[in-house]
Amino acid sequence: MNRVAHSDLTAQNADMTRQKALSLRNWAELGLLGFIWGASFLSIRIALDTVPVMTTVFHRVFWAAAVLWIVIIAQRQGFPTSPKVWCAFFVMGLLNNVLPFSLMAWGQLHVETGLTSILNAATAVFGVLAAALMFPDERLTPTRLIGVVLGFAGVTVAIGPGNLLRLDLQSMGQLAILAGTVSYAGAAVWARIYLSDLPPQVSAAGMLTGSAVIMAPIMLWVDGPPSLDISPEAWLAIGYYSAIATACAYLLYYRVLASAGSGNLLLVTLIIPPVAITLGALVRNEALPPNAYAGFAILATGLLILSRSGRRD
């Protein structure tokens, strides 16, 4: 996840997806989750200054899986042993972690932190489309269609129509980030079909474990053995985006999902970009063009409409 950009592993549960009134505690948890995920973009970018892309992703999934298994063991939850379940974990890990994390990390080498977070918000739009294509109960109603159209319009404005026609590293980085959001949407569909009967913490730990197994040979082939001789700043960044913004954020995510519903949880997507933009400006002196802010405003409007459509229309 490191964000709603992380797919909802339990979206099929009616009690968790039903739109609910938000309490003060819900708002506080949504704000905390948005800040955690918003800051993850900066921490990943800091790590990328000295750590290669595939190694950065391996650190993320390996340490996050370790943290979640510790939590699961402490809670005495069951350990899945079915080969079918583990195959589903591996596919889920590929779709929800390996592909999007790698694409977005490479994209961040060429795209500002804040703009990356704006483009990442398109995950919710692609998720609605994927669900509408695959599940009869997630039909694309007129309200949702308006939200989707505004979402795509916002992404187009944020990138800049002229940039869509160029093939330089910045435009390729933006397209890589968008490709990652499409992968997240596919992961949401896969999770609903194949991982619906498992506790969400176990599903998250399983897919991250599968991701680490997939990433290990990729990392060794592309980057070589990981070096431990990196700066304390890079280690802090790795610790943050793996343990806090991935493992702990998953746990908080499912807590908010259960109490607030998935429609309201889309609101966290609106919190992430302002946090990422602010931190990118303060720490890395990044400045986004006006069209990025205009695009986010349009995209945010679409996301608000989609979040309200949690009440079946």
Foldseek 3Di string as FASTA:
>chain_A
DLAVLAADLAQVDCLLAFFDDDDPVLVVLLLVSLLLSLCLLVLLLVLVVPFPLLVLLLLQLVLLLVLLVVVCVVVVHDADDDPLLLVLLLLLLVLRRVQLSSLLSQLCVQEFSLLLLLLSLCLVLLLLVLCCVPPVVSNCDPLLVLLNVLQVVLNCLQCDVVLCPDDDSNSSSSVSNNVSSNSSSVSNVSSNVRVNPDDQSNSLSSNSVSNSVVSVVVCCVPPNDTDPPDDPSSVVSSCSSRHPSRNVSSVSLVVSSNVRHPLVSSVSSLSSSVSNVVCSCVPVVDDGDPSNVVSSVSNVVSSNSSSVCSPPD
